[in-house]
């Protein structure tokens, strides 16, 4: 049995780590399989995320940033000059 689980807050929830007192990261974190985190899972405060899903979600989030979207748009559009008539 794995001693850790990868979890993230459920939509609309903010959950503190009882050890560090820091909020659980929105994209998820690796946490110990402890009674505290298992209770948070059971109550629906956090959701389990498979490692494959977390990598895909992180890549999607990085690709969807306005900064990168603007760069992609600018690169994909051909330049037009007024001399071509």
Protein backbone atom coordinates (compact mmCIF):
# COMPACT_ATOMS: atom_id res chain seq x y z
CA UNK A 1 0.00 0.00 0.00
CA UNK A 2 1.27 3.45 -0.89
CA UNK A 3 1.92 5.71 2.09
CA UNK A 4 1.02 8.88 0.15
CA UNK A 5 -1.88 10.17 -1.93
CA UNK A 6 -2.08 12.99 -4.47
CA UNK A 7 -5.04 15.25 -3.67
CA UNK A 8 -6.34 18.72 -4.44
CA UNK A 9 -9.06 20.86 -2.87
CA UNK A 10 -12.61 20.20 -4.06
CA UNK A 11 -14.12 23.08 -6.06
CA UNK A 12 -14.94 25.94 -3.71
CA UNK A 13 -12.94 24.50 -0.80
CA UNK A 14 -9.81 25.77 0.90
CA UNK A 15 -8.12 23.15 3.07
CA UNK A 16 -5.18 23.71 5.41
CA UNK A 17 -2.46 21.19 6.05
CA UNK A 18 -2.57 20.49 9.81
CA UNK A 19 1.24 20.31 10.00
CA UNK A 20 2.33 23.33 7.93
CA UNK A 21 -0.90 25.35 8.28
CA UNK A 22 -0.51 26.24 4.58
CA UNK A 23 -3.45 25.92 2.19
CA UNK A 24 -3.43 22.87 -0.03
CA UNK A 25 -2.28 23.95 -3.50
CA UNK A 26 -5.06 24.34 -6.07
CA UNK A 27 -3.27 22.06 -8.54
CA UNK A 28 -2.81 19.42 -5.84
CA UNK A 29 -0.09 18.01 -3.63
CA UNK A 30 1.34 14.73 -2.45
CA UNK A 31 0.20 14.15 1.15
CA UNK A 32 0.60 11.31 3.65
CA UNK A 33 -2.19 8.75 3.78
CA UNK A 34 -3.16 9.87 7.30
CA UNK A 35 -6.49 9.85 9.13
CA UNK A 36 -6.75 13.63 8.60
CA UNK A 37 -6.43 13.50 4.79
CA UNK A 38 -8.55 10.36 4.49
CA UNK A 39 -11.29 12.11 6.49
CA UNK A 40 -11.04 15.16 4.20
CA UNK A 41 -11.48 12.80 1.22
CA UNK A 42 -14.47 11.06 2.80
CA UNK A 43 -16.16 14.39 3.61
CA UNK A 44 -15.55 15.74 0.10
CA UNK A 45 -13.24 18.62 1.09
CA UNK A 46 -10.49 17.24 -1.17
CA UNK A 47 -10.51 15.03 -4.24
CA UNK A 48 -8.11 12.28 -5.24
CA UNK A 49 -6.08 13.02 -8.37
CA UNK A 50 -4.16 10.35 -10.25
CA UNK A 51 -0.59 11.32 -11.14
CA UNK A 52 -1.41 11.14 -14.88
CA UNK A 53 -4.36 13.52 -14.47
CA UNK A 54 -2.33 16.01 -12.46
CA UNK A 55 0.40 16.19 -15.12
CA UNK A 56 -2.22 16.66 -17.87
CA UNK A 57 -4.11 19.31 -15.90
CA UNK A 58 -0.89 21.21 -15.16
CA UNK A 59 0.10 21.14 -18.84
CA UNK A 60 -3.40 22.31 -19.83
CA UNK A 61 -3.28 25.10 -17.26
CA UNK A 62 0.10 26.27 -18.52
CA UNK A 63 -1.11 26.19 -22.13
CA UNK A 64 -4.25 28.17 -21.28
CA UNK A 65 -2.53 31.18 -19.74
CA UNK A 66 -3.37 34.42 -21.58
CA UNK A 67 0.33 35.17 -22.03
CA UNK A 68 1.06 31.93 -23.88
CA UNK A 69 -2.20 32.09 -25.84
CA UNK A 70 -1.27 35.54 -27.15
CA UNK A 71 2.14 34.30 -28.24
CA UNK A 72 0.61 31.33 -30.06
CA UNK A 73 -1.90 33.56 -31.81
CA UNK A 74 0.79 36.00 -32.91
CA UNK A 75 2.98 33.19 -34.23
CA UNK A 76 0.19 31.47 -36.14
CA UNK A 77 -1.03 34.57 -38.02
CA UNK A 78 0.82 35.43 -41.22
CA UNK A 79 2.17 38.94 -41.40
CA UNK A 80 0.46 41.18 -43.89
CA UNK A 81 1.96 44.26 -45.41
CA UNK A 82 0.15 46.99 -47.30
CA UNK A 83 2.38 46.42 -50.36
CA UNK A 84 0.64 43.20 -51.38
CA UNK A 85 -2.15 44.34 -53.70
